[in-house]
Amino acid sequence: MNKDEINIVNMTNDLKSFREYFKSLDFDFMVVGSLALQVQDIPIGRDPHDVDIEMVCNESYKDKFRLLSASCPKEENDEYKDSLQNYYKFKWGNTIFNVWLVKELKRSFVFKDSIKYAGVYSILKEKMKYKRNKDFEDLKFIIKKFIEL
């Protein structure tokens, strides 16, 4: 197993641990972003480096997320820091989690290993809103791979 494969295995194990913990609290969440693309066999030419999640959570739990987030201070170059007021970044196990608290999960999704993963189109549409170079590169890579089929 190479370093990138080990990283994905660690991320997957941390995600399962996250799921088990929050399942016991009856939270509903969905994985979005690059990991969700990879789980659905969409090639982006790189491995994800974090886990992006949308989570339904009531107001009373925001303090818990603030505490988790304090364990992983946002960096000056944090690409999401201004995206939403309900955004929390923290480390769970060995993995960085970016969590957006939402009122409801609105995207289409697929289930794998009892985890919801956002549908491909909704992920790509959301990524394009950020106008980041890496997202445009991901989309170009996906298009290239589909043309090569």
C-alpha atoms as a PDB file:
ATOM      1  CA  MET A   1       0.000   0.000   0.000  1.00  0.00           C
ATOM      2  CA  ASN A   2       1.414   3.402  -0.924  1.00  0.00           C
ATOM      3  CA  LYS A   3       1.229   6.568   1.193  1.00  0.00           C
ATOM      4  CA  ASP A   4      -1.919   7.900  -0.568  1.00  0.00           C
ATOM      5  CA  GLU A   5      -3.744   4.578  -0.133  1.00  0.00           C
ATOM      6  CA  ILE A   6      -2.837   4.527   3.561  1.00  0.00           C
ATOM      7  CA  ASN A   7      -4.157   8.100   3.896  1.00  0.00           C
ATOM      8  CA  ILE A   8      -7.497   7.127   2.305  1.00  0.00           C
ATOM      9  CA  VAL A   9      -7.792   4.081   4.592  1.00  0.00           C
ATOM     10  CA  ASN A  10      -7.102   6.310   7.628  1.00  0.00           C
ATOM     11  CA  MET A  11      -9.661   8.878   6.434  1.00  0.00           C
ATOM     12  CA  THR A  12     -12.242   6.139   5.914  1.00  0.00           C
ATOM     13  CA  ASN A  13     -11.617   4.714   9.390  1.00  0.00           C
ATOM     14  CA  ASP A  14     -11.889   8.196  10.933  1.00  0.00           C
ATOM     15  CA  LEU A  15     -15.119   8.793   9.006  1.00  0.00           C
ATOM     16  CA  LYS A  16     -16.562   5.528  10.325  1.00  0.00           C
ATOM     17  CA  SER A  17     -15.586   6.538  13.875  1.00  0.00           C
ATOM     18  CA  PHE A  18     -17.238   9.940  13.314  1.00  0.00           C
ATOM     19  CA  ARG A  19     -20.383   8.204  12.004  1.00  0.00           C
ATOM     20  CA  GLU A  20     -20.591   5.874  15.004  1.00  0.00           C
ATOM     21  CA  TYR A  21     -20.201   8.704  17.492  1.00  0.00           C
ATOM     22  CA  PHE A  22     -22.789  10.964  15.882  1.00  0.00           C
ATOM     23  CA  LYS A  23     -25.136   8.089  15.080  1.00  0.00           C
ATOM     24  CA  SER A  24     -25.457   7.549  18.833  1.00  0.00           C
ATOM     25  CA  LEU A  25     -26.585  11.193  19.109  1.00  0.00           C
ATOM     26  CA  ASP A  26     -29.080  10.788  16.252  1.00  0.00           C
ATOM     27  CA  PHE A  27     -27.428  13.305  13.885  1.00  0.00           C
ATOM     28  CA  ASP A  28     -27.937  13.118  10.152  1.00  0.00           C
ATOM     29  CA  PHE A  29     -24.999  13.983   7.913  1.00  0.00           C
ATOM     30  CA  MET A  30     -23.738  13.646   4.365  1.00  0.00           C
ATOM     31  CA  VAL A  31     -20.198  13.554   2.994  1.00  0.00           C
ATOM     32  CA  VAL A  32     -19.673  16.125   0.255  1.00  0.00           C
ATOM     33  CA  GLY A  33     -16.531  17.176  -1.622  1.00  0.00           C
ATOM     34  CA  SER A  34     -13.640  15.208  -3.084  1.00  0.00           C
ATOM     35  CA  LEU A  35     -13.968  12.158  -0.858  1.00  0.00           C
ATOM     36  CA  ALA A  36     -17.591  11.714  -1.955  1.00  0.00           C
ATOM     37  CA  LEU A  37     -16.462  11.929  -5.594  1.00  0.00           C
ATOM     38  CA  GLN A  38     -13.782   9.322  -4.999  1.00  0.00           C
ATOM     39  CA  VAL A  39     -16.188   6.949  -3.240  1.00  0.00           C
ATOM     40  CA  GLN A  40     -18.397   7.134  -6.355  1.00  0.00           C
ATOM     41  CA  ASP A  41     -15.429   6.299  -8.645  1.00  0.00           C
ATOM     42  CA  ILE A  42     -15.181   9.790 -10.117  1.00  0.00           C
ATOM     43  CA  PRO A  43     -11.516  10.445 -10.937  1.00  0.00           C
ATOM     44  CA  ILE A  44     -10.122  13.826  -9.949  1.00  0.00           C
ATOM     45  CA  GLY A  45      -6.410  13.113 -10.354  1.00  0.00           C
ATOM     46  CA  ARG A  46      -5.556  13.542  -6.688  1.00  0.00           C
ATOM     47  CA  ASP A  47      -6.498  12.102  -3.335  1.00  0.00           C
ATOM     48  CA  PRO A  48      -8.696  14.055  -0.932  1.00  0.00           C
ATOM     49  CA  HIS A  49      -6.856  15.565   2.017  1.00  0.00           C
ATOM     50  CA  ASP A  50      -9.862  16.096   4.305  1.00  0.00           C
ATOM     51  CA  VAL A  51     -13.499  15.145   4.823  1.00  0.00           C
ATOM     52  CA  ASP A  52     -16.214  17.675   3.970  1.00  0.00           C
ATOM     53  CA  ILE A  53     -19.566  17.143   5.666  1.00  0.00           C
ATOM     54  CA  GLU A  54     -22.979  18.782   5.792  1.00  0.00           C
ATOM     55  CA  MET A  55     -24.708  17.931   9.057  1.00  0.00           C
ATOM     56  CA  VAL A  56     -28.168  18.574  10.433  1.00  0.00           C
ATOM     57  CA  CYS A  57     -27.741  19.832  13.965  1.00  0.00           C
ATOM     58  CA  ASN A  58     -29.886  21.766  16.388  1.00  0.00           C
ATOM     59  CA  GLU A  59     -28.682  24.993  18.012  1.00  0.00           C
ATOM     60  CA  SER A  60     -27.889  23.339  21.336  1.00  0.00           C
ATOM     61  CA  TYR A  61     -24.962  21.425  19.811  1.00  0.00           C
ATOM     62  CA  LYS A  62     -23.193  24.417  18.243  1.00  0.00           C
ATOM     63  CA  ASP A  63     -21.093  24.896  21.395  1.00  0.00           C
ATOM     64  CA  LYS A  64     -19.763  21.353  21.047  1.00  0.00           C
ATOM     65  CA  PHE A  65     -18.723  22.091  17.470  1.00  0.00           C
ATOM     66  CA  ARG A  66     -17.095  25.350  18.553  1.00  0.00           C
ATOM     67  CA  LEU A  67     -15.025  23.388  21.078  1.00  0.00           C
ATOM     68  CA  LEU A  68     -14.044  20.805  18.470  1.00  0.00           C
ATOM     69  CA  SER A  69     -13.160  23.617  16.084  1.00  0.00           C
ATOM     70  CA  ALA A  70     -10.965  25.324  18.698  1.00  0.00           C
ATOM     71  CA  SER A  71      -8.746  22.232  18.610  1.00  0.00           C
ATOM     72  CA  CYS A  72      -7.891  23.004  14.985  1.00  0.00           C
ATOM     73  CA  PRO A  73      -7.572  26.769  14.548  1.00  0.00           C
ATOM     74  CA  LYS A  74      -8.464  28.100  11.145  1.00  0.00           C
ATOM     75  CA  GLU A  75      -5.432  29.160   9.167  1.00  0.00           C
ATOM     76  CA  GLU A  76      -5.138  32.460   7.354  1.00  0.00           C
ATOM     77  CA  ASN A  77      -5.392  30.610   4.055  1.00  0.00           C
ATOM     78  CA  ASP A  78      -8.341  28.453   5.129  1.00  0.00           C
ATOM     79  CA  GLU A  79     -10.355  28.299   1.940  1.00  0.00           C
ATOM     80  CA  TYR A  80     -13.712  27.989   3.717  1.00  0.00           C
ATOM     81  CA  LYS A  81     -13.288  30.370   6.656  1.00  0.00           C
ATOM     82  CA  ASP A  82     -15.627  33.006   5.198  1.00  0.00           C
ATOM     83  CA  SER A  83     -18.021  30.621   3.453  1.00  0.00           C
ATOM     84  CA  LEU A  84     -20.694  30.233   6.126  1.00  0.00           C
ATOM     85  CA  GLN A  85     -21.157  31.177   9.736  1.00  0.00           C
ATOM     86  CA  ASN A  86     -22.049  27.561  10.554  1.00  0.00           C
ATOM     87  CA  TYR A  87     -18.694  26.169   9.398  1.00  0.00           C
ATOM     88  CA  TYR A  88     -16.471  24.215  11.779  1.00  0.00           C
ATOM     89  CA  LYS A  89     -13.044  22.728  11.110  1.00  0.00           C
ATOM     90  CA  PHE A  90     -11.515  20.161  13.450  1.00  0.00           C
ATOM     91  CA  LYS A  91      -9.390  17.055  13.610  1.00  0.00           C
ATOM     92  CA  TRP A  92     -11.090  13.714  14.232  1.00  0.00           C
ATOM     93  CA  GLY A  93      -8.563  10.922  14.623  1.00  0.00           C
ATOM     94  CA  ASN A  94      -5.880  11.792  12.101  1.00  0.00           C
ATOM     95  CA  THR A  95      -8.211  13.523   9.639  1.00  0.00           C
ATOM     96  CA  ILE A  96      -9.272  17.120   9.191  1.00  0.00           C
ATOM     97  CA  PHE A  97     -13.057  17.482   9.009  1.00  0.00           C
ATOM     98  CA  ASN A  98     -14.796  20.515   7.517  1.00  0.00           C
ATOM     99  CA  VAL A  99     -18.375  20.535   8.792  1.00  0.00           C
ATOM    100  CA  TRP A 100     -21.195  22.840   7.764  1.00  0.00           C
ATOM    101  CA  LEU A 101     -24.248  22.749  10.019  1.00  0.00           C
ATOM    102  CA  VAL A 102     -27.425  22.938   7.963  1.00  0.00           C
ATOM    103  CA  LYS A 103     -31.152  22.871   8.686  1.00  0.00           C
ATOM    104  CA  GLU A 104     -31.742  19.972   6.296  1.00  0.00           C
ATOM    105  CA  LEU A 105     -29.906  17.804   3.794  1.00  0.00           C
ATOM    106  CA  LYS A 106     -31.162  18.857   0.385  1.00  0.00           C
ATOM    107  CA  ARG A 107     -28.857  17.046  -2.037  1.00  0.00           C
ATOM    108  CA  SER A 108     -29.362  13.734  -3.762  1.00  0.00           C
ATOM    109  CA  PHE A 109     -27.115  11.054  -2.286  1.00  0.00           C
ATOM    110  CA  VAL A 110     -25.933   7.476  -2.427  1.00  0.00           C
ATOM    111  CA  PHE A 111     -25.376   5.158   0.553  1.00  0.00           C
ATOM    112  CA  LYS A 112     -22.163   3.246   1.064  1.00  0.00           C
ATOM    113  CA  ASP A 113     -21.219   1.547   4.330  1.00  0.00           C
ATOM    114  CA  SER A 114     -24.193   3.252   6.027  1.00  0.00           C
ATOM    115  CA  ILE A 115     -22.851   6.704   5.122  1.00  0.00           C
ATOM    116  CA  LYS A 116     -24.571   9.197   2.824  1.00  0.00           C
ATOM    117  CA  TYR A 117     -22.423  10.631   0.024  1.00  0.00           C
ATOM    118  CA  ALA A 118     -23.714  13.594  -1.967  1.00  0.00           C
ATOM    119  CA  GLY A 119     -24.513  13.018  -5.630  1.00  0.00           C
ATOM    120  CA  VAL A 120     -21.800  13.815  -8.158  1.00  0.00           C
ATOM    121  CA  TYR A 121     -23.608  16.626  -9.967  1.00  0.00           C
ATOM    122  CA  SER A 122     -24.435  18.492  -6.744  1.00  0.00           C
ATOM    123  CA  ILE A 123     -20.813  18.221  -5.577  1.00  0.00           C
ATOM    124  CA  LEU A 124     -19.426  19.583  -8.834  1.00  0.00           C
ATOM    125  CA  LYS A 125     -22.003  22.371  -8.915  1.00  0.00           C
ATOM    126  CA  GLU A 126     -21.090  23.417  -5.363  1.00  0.00           C
ATOM    127  CA  LYS A 127     -17.345  23.207  -6.068  1.00  0.00           C
ATOM    128  CA  MET A 128     -17.717  25.573  -9.024  1.00  0.00           C
ATOM    129  CA  LYS A 129     -19.262  28.199  -6.717  1.00  0.00           C
ATOM    130  CA  TYR A 130     -15.967  28.494  -4.816  1.00  0.00           C
ATOM    131  CA  LYS A 131     -14.084  29.399  -8.026  1.00  0.00           C
ATOM    132  CA  ARG A 132     -10.913  27.745  -6.727  1.00  0.00           C
ATOM    133  CA  ASN A 133      -8.216  26.610  -9.144  1.00  0.00           C
ATOM    134  CA  LYS A 134      -8.118  23.117  -7.678  1.00  0.00           C
ATOM    135  CA  ASP A 135     -11.838  22.647  -8.349  1.00  0.00           C
ATOM    136  CA  PHE A 136     -11.506  23.796 -11.951  1.00  0.00           C
ATOM    137  CA  GLU A 137      -8.555  21.412 -12.331  1.00  0.00           C
ATOM    138  CA  ASP A 138     -10.664  18.587 -10.868  1.00  0.00           C
ATOM    139  CA  LEU A 139     -13.457  19.280 -13.342  1.00  0.00           C
ATOM    140  CA  LYS A 140     -11.034  19.423 -16.277  1.00  0.00           C
ATOM    141  CA  PHE A 141      -9.544  16.105 -15.169  1.00  0.00           C
ATOM    142  CA  ILE A 142     -13.006  14.493 -14.919  1.00  0.00           C
ATOM    143  CA  ILE A 143     -13.993  15.752 -18.379  1.00  0.00           C
ATOM    144  CA  LYS A 144     -10.717  14.498 -19.857  1.00  0.00           C
ATOM    145  CA  LYS A 145     -11.210  11.043 -18.324  1.00  0.00           C
ATOM    146  CA  PHE A 146     -14.768  10.791 -19.632  1.00  0.00           C
ATOM    147  CA  ILE A 147     -13.695  11.866 -23.136  1.00  0.00           C
ATOM    148  CA  GLU A 148     -11.045   9.132 -23.067  1.00  0.00           C
ATOM    149  CA  LEU A 149     -13.657   6.405 -22.446  1.00  0.00           C
END
